[in-house]
C-alpha atoms as a PDB file:
ATOM      1  CA  MET A   1     150.090 209.850 167.461  1.00  0.00           C
ATOM      2  CA  ILE A   2     150.918 209.503 163.291  1.00  0.00           C
ATOM      3  CA  ASP A   3     151.036 213.191 162.065  1.00  0.00           C
ATOM      4  CA  HIS A   4     148.188 213.202 159.850  1.00  0.00           C
ATOM      5  CA  ALA A   5     150.226 215.104 157.310  1.00  0.00           C
ATOM      6  CA  LEU A   6     152.495 212.244 156.497  1.00  0.00           C
ATOM      7  CA  PHE A   7     149.848 211.100 153.958  1.00  0.00           C
ATOM      8  CA  ASP A   8     149.589 214.336 152.273  1.00  0.00           C
ATOM      9  CA  PRO A   9     150.347 213.175 148.667  1.00  0.00           C
ATOM     10  CA  ALA A  10     151.803 216.174 148.268  1.00  0.00           C
ATOM     11  CA  ARG A  11     154.606 215.806 150.679  1.00  0.00           C
ATOM     12  CA  THR A  12     155.880 213.047 148.569  1.00  0.00           C
ATOM     13  CA  ASP A  13     159.609 212.900 147.803  1.00  0.00           C
ATOM     14  CA  PRO A  14     159.989 213.420 144.057  1.00  0.00           C
ATOM     15  CA  ASP A  15     162.719 210.440 143.562  1.00  0.00           C
ATOM     16  CA  ALA A  16     160.156 208.600 145.461  1.00  0.00           C
ATOM     17  CA  GLU A  17     157.739 209.495 143.308  1.00  0.00           C
ATOM     18  CA  ARG A  18     159.739 209.068 140.186  1.00  0.00           C
ATOM     19  CA  LEU A  19     160.775 205.548 141.403  1.00  0.00           C
ATOM     20  CA  ASN A  20     157.113 204.292 141.865  1.00  0.00           C
ATOM     21  CA  ARG A  21     156.230 205.365 138.037  1.00  0.00           C
ATOM     22  CA  GLU A  22     159.499 203.398 136.398  1.00  0.00           C
ATOM     23  CA  ILE A  23     158.453 200.019 139.099  1.00  0.00           C
ATOM     24  CA  ILE A  24     154.583 200.231 137.751  1.00  0.00           C
ATOM     25  CA  ALA A  25     155.886 200.699 134.193  1.00  0.00           C
ATOM     26  CA  ALA A  26     158.721 197.424 134.602  1.00  0.00           C
ATOM     27  CA  GLN A  27     156.063 195.189 136.309  1.00  0.00           C
ATOM     28  CA  ALA A  28     153.573 196.377 133.728  1.00  0.00           C
ATOM     29  CA  ARG A  29     155.976 195.110 130.782  1.00  0.00           C
ATOM     30  CA  ALA A  30     157.278 191.951 132.791  1.00  0.00           C
ATOM     31  CA  PRO A  31     154.849 188.817 132.257  1.00  0.00           C
ATOM     32  CA  ASP A  32     152.546 188.190 135.189  1.00  0.00           C
ATOM     33  CA  PRO A  33     154.330 186.463 137.821  1.00  0.00           C
ATOM     34  CA  TRP A  34     150.795 183.737 138.380  1.00  0.00           C
ATOM     35  CA  SER A  35     151.230 182.728 134.987  1.00  0.00           C
ATOM     36  CA  LEU A  36     154.439 181.165 135.540  1.00  0.00           C
ATOM     37  CA  PRO A  37     155.550 178.387 136.934  1.00  0.00           C
ATOM     38  CA  VAL A  38     156.790 179.339 140.509  1.00  0.00           C
ATOM     39  CA  GLU A  39     160.163 177.447 140.155  1.00  0.00           C
ATOM     40  CA  GLU A  40     160.575 180.269 137.426  1.00  0.00           C
ATOM     41  CA  VAL A  41     159.588 183.247 139.260  1.00  0.00           C
ATOM     42  CA  ARG A  42     162.017 182.236 141.891  1.00  0.00           C
ATOM     43  CA  ALA A  43     164.942 181.908 140.064  1.00  0.00           C
ATOM     44  CA  ARG A  44     164.010 185.602 137.908  1.00  0.00           C
ATOM     45  CA  ARG A  45     163.731 186.911 141.571  1.00  0.00           C
ATOM     46  CA  ARG A  46     167.218 185.841 142.471  1.00  0.00           C
ATOM     47  CA  GLN A  47     168.316 187.569 138.674  1.00  0.00           C
ATOM     48  CA  GLY A  48     166.877 190.466 139.711  1.00  0.00           C
ATOM     49  CA  SER A  49     164.877 192.668 137.415  1.00  0.00           C
ATOM     50  CA  PRO A  50     164.460 196.575 136.841  1.00  0.00           C
ATOM     51  CA  ALA A  51     161.435 196.422 139.415  1.00  0.00           C
ATOM     52  CA  LEU A  52     162.963 194.360 141.951  1.00  0.00           C
ATOM     53  CA  PRO A  53     166.572 194.392 141.677  1.00  0.00           C
ATOM     54  CA  ALA A  54     168.847 191.732 143.060  1.00  0.00           C
ATOM     55  CA  MET A  55     171.096 192.712 146.211  1.00  0.00           C
ATOM     56  CA  PRO A  56     174.630 191.259 146.241  1.00  0.00           C
ATOM     57  CA  ARG A  57     175.786 188.528 147.792  1.00  0.00           C
ATOM     58  CA  SER A  58     177.797 189.324 150.961  1.00  0.00           C
ATOM     59  CA  ALA A  59     181.477 187.290 150.882  1.00  0.00           C
ATOM     60  CA  ARG A  60     180.982 186.955 154.365  1.00  0.00           C
ATOM     61  CA  ALA A  61     178.381 185.302 154.515  1.00  0.00           C
ATOM     62  CA  GLU A  62     178.316 181.522 155.815  1.00  0.00           C
ATOM     63  CA  THR A  63     175.921 178.852 156.466  1.00  0.00           C
ATOM     64  CA  LEU A  64     175.140 177.156 159.980  1.00  0.00           C
ATOM     65  CA  THR A  65     172.956 174.049 159.518  1.00  0.00           C
ATOM     66  CA  ILE A  66     170.589 173.679 162.741  1.00  0.00           C
ATOM     67  CA  PRO A  67     168.198 170.907 163.372  1.00  0.00           C
ATOM     68  CA  GLY A  68     164.265 171.619 161.746  1.00  0.00           C
ATOM     69  CA  PRO A  69     161.308 170.635 162.529  1.00  0.00           C
ATOM     70  CA  GLY A  70     161.272 169.406 158.867  1.00  0.00           C
ATOM     71  CA  GLY A  71     164.707 168.426 158.503  1.00  0.00           C
ATOM     72  CA  PRO A  72     168.277 170.312 158.465  1.00  0.00           C
ATOM     73  CA  LEU A  73     167.311 174.468 158.568  1.00  0.00           C
ATOM     74  CA  ALA A  74     170.043 176.590 157.278  1.00  0.00           C
ATOM     75  CA  LEU A  75     171.028 180.136 158.854  1.00  0.00           C
ATOM     76  CA  ARG A  76     172.466 182.228 156.687  1.00  0.00           C
ATOM     77  CA  VAL A  77     175.065 184.231 159.178  1.00  0.00           C
ATOM     78  CA  ILE A  78     176.738 187.487 158.804  1.00  0.00           C
ATOM     79  CA  ARG A  79     179.429 188.155 161.891  1.00  0.00           C
ATOM     80  CA  PRO A  80     180.288 192.089 162.819  1.00  0.00           C
ATOM     81  CA  VAL A  81     183.763 192.663 162.343  1.00  0.00           C
ATOM     82  CA  ARG A  82     184.467 193.451 166.081  1.00  0.00           C
ATOM     83  CA  LYS A  83     183.275 191.809 168.880  1.00  0.00           C
ATOM     84  CA  ALA A  84     179.338 191.274 168.876  1.00  0.00           C
ATOM     85  CA  ARG A  85     176.808 193.124 170.954  1.00  0.00           C
ATOM     86  CA  GLY A  86     173.769 190.777 170.038  1.00  0.00           C
ATOM     87  CA  ALA A  87     172.256 188.805 167.587  1.00  0.00           C
ATOM     88  CA  TYR A  88     169.570 189.767 165.168  1.00  0.00           C
ATOM     89  CA  LEU A  89     167.499 187.129 163.448  1.00  0.00           C
ATOM     90  CA  HIS A  90     166.395 188.329 160.736  1.00  0.00           C
ATOM     91  CA  ILE A  91     163.114 186.608 158.357  1.00  0.00           C
ATOM     92  CA  HIS A  92     162.976 187.192 154.691  1.00  0.00           C
ATOM     93  CA  SER A  93     160.133 188.392 152.431  1.00  0.00           C
ATOM     94  CA  GLY A  94     158.482 186.634 149.189  1.00  0.00           C
ATOM     95  CA  GLY A  95     155.144 186.274 150.154  1.00  0.00           C
ATOM     96  CA  TRP A  96     155.652 183.093 151.778  1.00  0.00           C
ATOM     97  CA  ILE A  97     156.301 181.505 148.267  1.00  0.00           C
ATOM     98  CA  TRP A  98     159.393 183.290 146.674  1.00  0.00           C
ATOM     99  CA  GLY A  99     162.593 184.578 148.346  1.00  0.00           C
ATOM    100  CA  GLY A 100     165.517 182.868 150.134  1.00  0.00           C
ATOM    101  CA  ALA A 101     167.710 183.617 153.027  1.00  0.00           C
ATOM    102  CA  ASP A 102     170.414 185.419 150.423  1.00  0.00           C
ATOM    103  CA  GLU A 103     168.521 187.725 149.109  1.00  0.00           C
ATOM    104  CA  GLN A 104     169.577 190.460 151.609  1.00  0.00           C
ATOM    105  CA  ASP A 105     172.776 190.493 152.679  1.00  0.00           C
ATOM    106  CA  PRO A 106     173.700 194.428 151.976  1.00  0.00           C
ATOM    107  CA  TRP A 107     170.987 194.938 154.957  1.00  0.00           C
ATOM    108  CA  LEU A 108     172.523 192.403 157.171  1.00  0.00           C
ATOM    109  CA  GLU A 109     175.569 193.443 156.655  1.00  0.00           C
ATOM    110  CA  ARG A 110     174.810 197.089 157.403  1.00  0.00           C
ATOM    111  CA  ILE A 111     173.405 196.069 160.985  1.00  0.00           C
ATOM    112  CA  ALA A 112     176.065 193.791 161.702  1.00  0.00           C
ATOM    113  CA  ASP A 113     178.794 196.294 161.033  1.00  0.00           C
ATOM    114  CA  ARG A 114     176.685 199.515 162.493  1.00  0.00           C
ATOM    115  CA  CYS A 115     175.072 197.640 165.317  1.00  0.00           C
ATOM    116  CA  GLY A 116     177.437 195.397 166.255  1.00  0.00           C
ATOM    117  CA  PHE A 117     174.977 191.783 166.047  1.00  0.00           C
ATOM    118  CA  VAL A 118     175.689 188.570 164.565  1.00  0.00           C
ATOM    119  CA  CYS A 119     173.064 188.833 161.772  1.00  0.00           C
ATOM    120  CA  LEU A 120     171.053 185.174 161.087  1.00  0.00           C
ATOM    121  CA  SER A 121     168.630 184.996 158.186  1.00  0.00           C
ATOM    122  CA  VAL A 122     166.082 182.061 158.085  1.00  0.00           C
ATOM    123  CA  GLU A 123     165.948 179.751 155.007  1.00  0.00           C
ATOM    124  CA  TYR A 124     162.511 178.529 156.121  1.00  0.00           C
ATOM    125  CA  ARG A 125     160.557 176.079 153.943  1.00  0.00           C
ATOM    126  CA  LEU A 126     158.464 177.639 151.087  1.00  0.00           C
ATOM    127  CA  ALA A 127     155.023 177.087 150.395  1.00  0.00           C
ATOM    128  CA  PRO A 128     152.997 176.359 148.309  1.00  0.00           C
ATOM    129  CA  GLU A 129     154.956 172.763 148.573  1.00  0.00           C
ATOM    130  CA  HIS A 130     155.623 173.994 152.333  1.00  0.00           C
ATOM    131  CA  PRO A 131     152.131 175.583 153.627  1.00  0.00           C
ATOM    132  CA  TYR A 132     151.360 176.529 157.246  1.00  0.00           C
ATOM    133  CA  PRO A 133     152.616 175.273 159.507  1.00  0.00           C
ATOM    134  CA  ALA A 134     155.797 174.721 157.873  1.00  0.00           C
ATOM    135  CA  PRO A 135     157.213 178.474 157.444  1.00  0.00           C
ATOM    136  CA  ILE A 136     155.874 179.325 160.953  1.00  0.00           C
ATOM    137  CA  ASP A 137     157.397 176.169 162.587  1.00  0.00           C
ATOM    138  CA  ASP A 138     161.196 176.689 161.119  1.00  0.00           C
ATOM    139  CA  CYS A 139     161.354 180.537 162.371  1.00  0.00           C
ATOM    140  CA  GLU A 140     160.380 178.813 165.919  1.00  0.00           C
ATOM    141  CA  ALA A 141     162.814 177.075 165.988  1.00  0.00           C
ATOM    142  CA  ALA A 142     165.886 179.178 164.765  1.00  0.00           C
ATOM    143  CA  ALA A 143     164.591 181.333 167.255  1.00  0.00           C
ATOM    144  CA  LEU A 144     164.336 178.666 170.177  1.00  0.00           C
ATOM    145  CA  TRP A 145     167.926 177.419 168.722  1.00  0.00           C
ATOM    146  CA  LEU A 146     169.347 180.771 169.022  1.00  0.00           C
ATOM    147  CA  HIS A 147     168.266 181.765 172.597  1.00  0.00           C
ATOM    148  CA  GLY A 148     169.662 178.569 173.837  1.00  0.00           C
ATOM    149  CA  GLU A 149     173.058 177.007 172.136  1.00  0.00           C
ATOM    150  CA  GLY A 150     173.423 180.297 169.554  1.00  0.00           C
ATOM    151  CA  ARG A 151     173.612 182.838 172.923  1.00  0.00           C
ATOM    152  CA  ARG A 152     176.302 180.488 174.102  1.00  0.00           C
ATOM    153  CA  LEU A 153     177.926 180.204 170.077  1.00  0.00           C
ATOM    154  CA  PHE A 154     178.223 184.069 169.839  1.00  0.00           C
ATOM    155  CA  GLY A 155     178.844 185.335 173.113  1.00  0.00           C
ATOM    156  CA  VAL A 156     175.749 187.376 173.388  1.00  0.00           C
ATOM    157  CA  GLU A 157     172.783 188.137 175.386  1.00  0.00           C
ATOM    158  CA  ALA A 158     171.069 190.871 173.188  1.00  0.00           C
ATOM    159  CA  LEU A 159     168.558 189.130 170.877  1.00  0.00           C
ATOM    160  CA  THR A 160     166.256 190.870 168.596  1.00  0.00           C
ATOM    161  CA  ILE A 161     164.315 189.869 165.470  1.00  0.00           C
ATOM    162  CA  GLY A 162     162.424 191.443 162.413  1.00  0.00           C
ATOM    163  CA  GLY A 163     161.914 190.823 158.421  1.00  0.00           C
ATOM    164  CA  GLU A 164     160.326 192.927 155.534  1.00  0.00           C
ATOM    165  CA  SER A 165     156.767 192.162 154.177  1.00  0.00           C
ATOM    166  CA  VAL A 166     155.705 188.571 155.319  1.00  0.00           C
ATOM    167  CA  GLY A 167     159.255 188.162 156.949  1.00  0.00           C
ATOM    168  CA  ALA A 168     157.379 190.631 159.314  1.00  0.00           C
ATOM    169  CA  HIS A 169     154.171 188.498 159.726  1.00  0.00           C
ATOM    170  CA  LEU A 170     156.476 185.481 160.102  1.00  0.00           C
ATOM    171  CA  SER A 171     158.544 187.385 163.133  1.00  0.00           C
ATOM    172  CA  VAL A 172     155.532 188.418 164.769  1.00  0.00           C
ATOM    173  CA  MET A 173     154.039 184.673 164.995  1.00  0.00           C
ATOM    174  CA  THR A 174     157.550 183.739 166.312  1.00  0.00           C
ATOM    175  CA  LEU A 175     157.151 186.125 168.992  1.00  0.00           C
ATOM    176  CA  LEU A 176     153.755 184.508 169.904  1.00  0.00           C
ATOM    177  CA  ARG A 177     154.635 180.875 169.841  1.00  0.00           C
ATOM    178  CA  LEU A 178     157.727 181.743 172.117  1.00  0.00           C
ATOM    179  CA  ARG A 179     155.128 183.413 174.811  1.00  0.00           C
ATOM    180  CA  ASP A 180     152.502 181.054 174.114  1.00  0.00           C
ATOM    181  CA  ARG A 181     154.212 177.656 173.570  1.00  0.00           C
ATOM    182  CA  HIS A 182     157.541 177.588 175.635  1.00  0.00           C
ATOM    183  CA  ALA A 183     156.975 180.603 178.474  1.00  0.00           C
ATOM    184  CA  LEU A 184     159.408 182.965 176.665  1.00  0.00           C
ATOM    185  CA  PRO A 185     157.581 186.384 175.845  1.00  0.00           C
ATOM    186  CA  LYS A 186     160.698 188.295 176.180  1.00  0.00           C
ATOM    187  CA  ALA A 187     163.575 186.093 174.635  1.00  0.00           C
ATOM    188  CA  PHE A 188     163.562 188.532 172.216  1.00  0.00           C
ATOM    189  CA  ARG A 189     164.246 192.384 173.264  1.00  0.00           C
ATOM    190  CA  GLY A 190     162.630 193.986 170.206  1.00  0.00           C
ATOM    191  CA  ALA A 191     161.102 193.476 166.945  1.00  0.00           C
ATOM    192  CA  ASN A 192     162.148 195.384 163.938  1.00  0.00           C
ATOM    193  CA  LEU A 193     158.878 195.293 161.327  1.00  0.00           C
ATOM    194  CA  PHE A 194     159.045 196.601 157.743  1.00  0.00           C
ATOM    195  CA  SER A 195     155.821 196.531 155.550  1.00  0.00           C
ATOM    196  CA  GLY A 196     154.386 193.729 157.337  1.00  0.00           C
ATOM    197  CA  LEU A 197     151.260 191.773 156.267  1.00  0.00           C
ATOM    198  CA  TYR A 198     149.467 190.511 159.454  1.00  0.00           C
ATOM    199  CA  ASP A 199     145.792 190.226 157.879  1.00  0.00           C
ATOM    200  CA  LEU A 200     145.472 187.463 156.029  1.00  0.00           C
ATOM    201  CA  GLY A 201     142.033 188.041 155.153  1.00  0.00           C
ATOM    202  CA  VAL A 202     143.103 191.199 153.744  1.00  0.00           C
ATOM    203  CA  THR A 203     142.938 194.683 155.354  1.00  0.00           C
ATOM    204  CA  ALA A 204     140.986 197.525 153.311  1.00  0.00           C
ATOM    205  CA  SER A 205     144.204 198.876 151.988  1.00  0.00           C
ATOM    206  CA  ALA A 206     145.383 195.905 150.038  1.00  0.00           C
ATOM    207  CA  ARG A 207     141.483 194.979 149.313  1.00  0.00           C
ATOM    208  CA  ASN A 208     141.041 198.436 147.589  1.00  0.00           C
ATOM    209  CA  TRP A 209     144.250 199.085 146.163  1.00  0.00           C
ATOM    210  CA  GLY A 210     143.197 197.118 142.277  1.00  0.00           C
ATOM    211  CA  GLU A 211     145.685 195.746 139.933  1.00  0.00           C
ATOM    212  CA  GLU A 212     147.870 198.205 138.877  1.00  0.00           C
ATOM    213  CA  ARG A 213     151.528 196.232 140.638  1.00  0.00           C
ATOM    214  CA  LEU A 214     153.693 198.596 142.221  1.00  0.00           C
ATOM    215  CA  VAL A 215     155.860 195.735 143.996  1.00  0.00           C
ATOM    216  CA  LEU A 216     152.612 194.415 145.042  1.00  0.00           C
ATOM    217  CA  ASN A 217     148.961 194.368 144.091  1.00  0.00           C
ATOM    218  CA  SER A 218     145.432 193.556 145.449  1.00  0.00           C
ATOM    219  CA  THR A 219     145.998 190.073 143.363  1.00  0.00           C
ATOM    220  CA  ASP A 220     149.337 189.332 144.688  1.00  0.00           C
ATOM    221  CA  VAL A 221     148.119 189.642 148.612  1.00  0.00           C
ATOM    222  CA  ARG A 222     145.415 187.228 148.033  1.00  0.00           C
ATOM    223  CA  ARG A 223     147.045 184.585 146.226  1.00  0.00           C
ATOM    224  CA  PHE A 224     149.887 184.967 148.539  1.00  0.00           C
ATOM    225  CA  ALA A 225     147.534 184.107 151.151  1.00  0.00           C
ATOM    226  CA  ASP A 226     145.628 181.383 149.216  1.00  0.00           C
ATOM    227  CA  GLY A 227     149.165 179.701 148.609  1.00  0.00           C
ATOM    228  CA  PHE A 228     150.132 179.761 152.996  1.00  0.00           C
ATOM    229  CA  VAL A 229     146.848 178.607 154.050  1.00  0.00           C
ATOM    230  CA  PRO A 230     145.362 175.504 153.382  1.00  0.00           C
ATOM    231  CA  ASP A 231     141.512 174.767 153.154  1.00  0.00           C
ATOM    232  CA  GLY A 232     140.072 174.793 156.573  1.00  0.00           C
ATOM    233  CA  VAL A 233     142.325 177.458 158.426  1.00  0.00           C
ATOM    234  CA  PRO A 234     140.598 180.555 159.034  1.00  0.00           C
ATOM    235  CA  ARG A 235     141.722 183.111 157.153  1.00  0.00           C
ATOM    236  CA  ARG A 236     141.595 185.895 160.578  1.00  0.00           C
ATOM    237  CA  SER A 237     142.525 183.080 162.943  1.00  0.00           C
ATOM    238  CA  PRO A 238     145.015 183.999 165.374  1.00  0.00           C
ATOM    239  CA  GLU A 239     147.448 181.330 164.519  1.00  0.00           C
ATOM    240  CA  VAL A 240     147.711 183.198 161.095  1.00  0.00           C
ATOM    241  CA  SER A 241     146.929 186.204 161.186  1.00  0.00           C
ATOM    242  CA  PRO A 242     148.537 187.807 164.137  1.00  0.00           C
ATOM    243  CA  LEU A 243     146.528 191.311 164.083  1.00  0.00           C
ATOM    244  CA  TYR A 244     144.011 188.886 165.898  1.00  0.00           C
ATOM    245  CA  ALA A 245     145.883 187.616 168.426  1.00  0.00           C
ATOM    246  CA  ASP A 246     146.405 188.569 171.661  1.00  0.00           C
ATOM    247  CA  LEU A 247     149.683 190.804 171.894  1.00  0.00           C
ATOM    248  CA  LYS A 248     149.837 191.321 175.617  1.00  0.00           C
ATOM    249  CA  GLY A 249     153.521 191.119 176.785  1.00  0.00           C
ATOM    250  CA  LEU A 250     155.741 191.315 173.359  1.00  0.00           C
ATOM    251  CA  PRO A 251     158.618 193.233 173.369  1.00  0.00           C
ATOM    252  CA  PRO A 252     158.662 196.783 171.694  1.00  0.00           C
ATOM    253  CA  ALA A 253     158.796 197.091 167.943  1.00  0.00           C
ATOM    254  CA  LEU A 254     159.597 199.563 165.542  1.00  0.00           C
ATOM    255  CA  PHE A 255     157.040 199.480 162.828  1.00  0.00           C
ATOM    256  CA  SER A 256     157.676 200.751 159.275  1.00  0.00           C
ATOM    257  CA  VAL A 257     155.767 201.549 156.214  1.00  0.00           C
ATOM    258  CA  GLY A 258     155.261 203.350 153.167  1.00  0.00           C
ATOM    259  CA  THR A 259     152.077 205.258 152.646  1.00  0.00           C
ATOM    260  CA  ARG A 260     152.008 203.962 148.834  1.00  0.00           C
ATOM    261  CA  ASP A 261     152.112 200.015 150.357  1.00  0.00           C
ATOM    262  CA  PRO A 262     148.855 198.178 149.843  1.00  0.00           C
ATOM    263  CA  LEU A 263     149.799 197.059 153.054  1.00  0.00           C
ATOM    264  CA  LEU A 264     149.644 200.252 154.666  1.00  0.00           C
ATOM    265  CA  ASP A 265     146.295 199.037 156.827  1.00  0.00           C
ATOM    266  CA  ASP A 266     148.702 196.163 158.005  1.00  0.00           C
ATOM    267  CA  THR A 267     151.400 198.271 159.394  1.00  0.00           C
ATOM    268  CA  LEU A 268     148.426 201.077 160.973  1.00  0.00           C
ATOM    269  CA  PHE A 269     146.518 198.932 162.834  1.00  0.00           C
ATOM    270  CA  MET A 270     148.792 196.187 164.125  1.00  0.00           C
ATOM    271  CA  SER A 271     150.895 198.757 165.708  1.00  0.00           C
ATOM    272  CA  MET A 272     147.912 200.696 167.129  1.00  0.00           C
ATOM    273  CA  ARG A 273     147.150 197.321 168.768  1.00  0.00           C
ATOM    274  CA  TRP A 274     150.834 196.574 169.550  1.00  0.00           C
ATOM    275  CA  ALA A 275     150.292 199.759 171.834  1.00  0.00           C
ATOM    276  CA  ALA A 276     147.310 199.241 173.504  1.00  0.00           C
ATOM    277  CA  ALA A 277     148.405 195.985 174.422  1.00  0.00           C
ATOM    278  CA  ASN A 278     151.269 198.474 176.326  1.00  0.00           C
ATOM    279  CA  ASN A 279     154.448 197.012 174.344  1.00  0.00           C
ATOM    280  CA  GLY A 280     156.100 200.045 173.460  1.00  0.00           C
ATOM    281  CA  GLY A 281     157.943 200.783 170.373  1.00  0.00           C
ATOM    282  CA  TYR A 282     157.836 203.338 167.365  1.00  0.00           C
ATOM    283  CA  THR A 283     155.648 203.739 164.159  1.00  0.00           C
ATOM    284  CA  ALA A 284     157.323 205.301 161.443  1.00  0.00           C
ATOM    285  CA  VAL A 285     155.145 206.361 158.192  1.00  0.00           C
ATOM    286  CA  TYR A 286     157.442 207.596 154.829  1.00  0.00           C
ATOM    287  CA  THR A 287     155.556 209.669 152.522  1.00  0.00           C
ATOM    288  CA  GLY A 288     155.374 207.644 148.995  1.00  0.00           C
ATOM    289  CA  GLY A 289     156.994 205.010 149.973  1.00  0.00           C
ATOM    290  CA  CYS A 290     156.294 201.405 148.199  1.00  0.00           C
ATOM    291  CA  HIS A 291     156.252 198.187 149.831  1.00  0.00           C
ATOM    292  CA  VAL A 292     159.336 197.868 151.257  1.00  0.00           C
ATOM    293  CA  PHE A 293     161.110 200.662 149.796  1.00  0.00           C
ATOM    294  CA  ILE A 294     164.460 200.056 151.447  1.00  0.00           C
ATOM    295  CA  ARG A 295     165.341 197.436 148.375  1.00  0.00           C
ATOM    296  CA  TYR A 296     165.726 201.287 146.090  1.00  0.00           C
ATOM    297  CA  PRO A 297     168.471 204.027 146.275  1.00  0.00           C
ATOM    298  CA  LEU A 298     166.399 206.764 147.582  1.00  0.00           C
ATOM    299  CA  ALA A 299     167.133 209.409 150.467  1.00  0.00           C
ATOM    300  CA  MET A 300     164.028 207.900 152.660  1.00  0.00           C
ATOM    301  CA  THR A 301     166.054 204.259 152.763  1.00  0.00           C
ATOM    302  CA  GLU A 302     168.750 205.500 154.125  1.00  0.00           C
ATOM    303  CA  ARG A 303     166.264 207.419 156.658  1.00  0.00           C
ATOM    304  CA  ALA A 304     164.485 204.276 157.375  1.00  0.00           C
ATOM    305  CA  LEU A 305     167.255 202.116 157.775  1.00  0.00           C
ATOM    306  CA  GLU A 306     168.947 204.566 159.848  1.00  0.00           C
ATOM    307  CA  LEU A 307     166.036 204.506 162.486  1.00  0.00           C
ATOM    308  CA  SER A 308     166.136 200.765 162.499  1.00  0.00           C
ATOM    309  CA  GLU A 309     169.668 200.812 163.167  1.00  0.00           C
ATOM    310  CA  ARG A 310     169.115 203.121 166.215  1.00  0.00           C
ATOM    311  CA  PHE A 311     166.336 201.161 167.393  1.00  0.00           C
ATOM    312  CA  LEU A 312     168.034 198.089 167.830  1.00  0.00           C
ATOM    313  CA  MET A 313     171.697 199.340 168.820  1.00  0.00           C
ATOM    314  CA  ALA A 314     169.183 200.539 171.929  1.00  0.00           C
ATOM    315  CA  LEU A 315     167.770 197.090 172.527  1.00  0.00           C
ATOM    316  CA  ALA A 316     171.604 195.622 173.136  1.00  0.00           C
END
């Protein structure tokens, strides 16, 4: 069971508390992203900001292009310096609307070097230009390619998957597609799911958060869902909200979340449903952590990344 003391604000690390105040202040000074054209927000995100610092691009990264359902599909690949022990299919964050496969290279370099995994990040199509089901279709195609040709190309058998925020959502949707459409429930040995958004009807923690923007606020979560889900698709259908899916037969997962994340309920609810489905795994709760806090230089970040790496290494 999760230790209830983890939710005590008095246990928040002072550095995390200071960082949270800085992020809130920086975002309050910045333009409302929903007042700007989507391409401008994407460009600003790539440049970085005090609230969302850009991560350096890896000189080791290469681009591999595979057939996709909407045309050529790019995979950003970072290989380990030694013989590969497995592969990690990464799915990036950004509310299905922003973000890119090249915006989290340092995390993937760490996994490549510490776990010995070939890391591949999917450049899936973005909403609102390409709403549901396009992003899921692309991630499904990448997973199928990795399970087939990719394993032979990289000389690996152990496959893992994961992502942050909507990347965690797309990871779970991909696992469900593999199980239900391709009879491959255990094609991937485990899932590394950080700060996921699993209920597009919006959970209570996201609904009740309000307008203070600590990376995310209530409006952001609703607007992301609006951009991703077309009219006529029920928000709590298992086709878009994996919290309501039959989760039986999926691989173990590591669920990680901070207590200062509007999506806290998503992880707490999803991890309990995962456990009830007897899939195995772990849930890690970080007191005072904001949404995807691993982007920021904190002692908490190092603990979270090390736990993710230990989880992934145990699957090889």
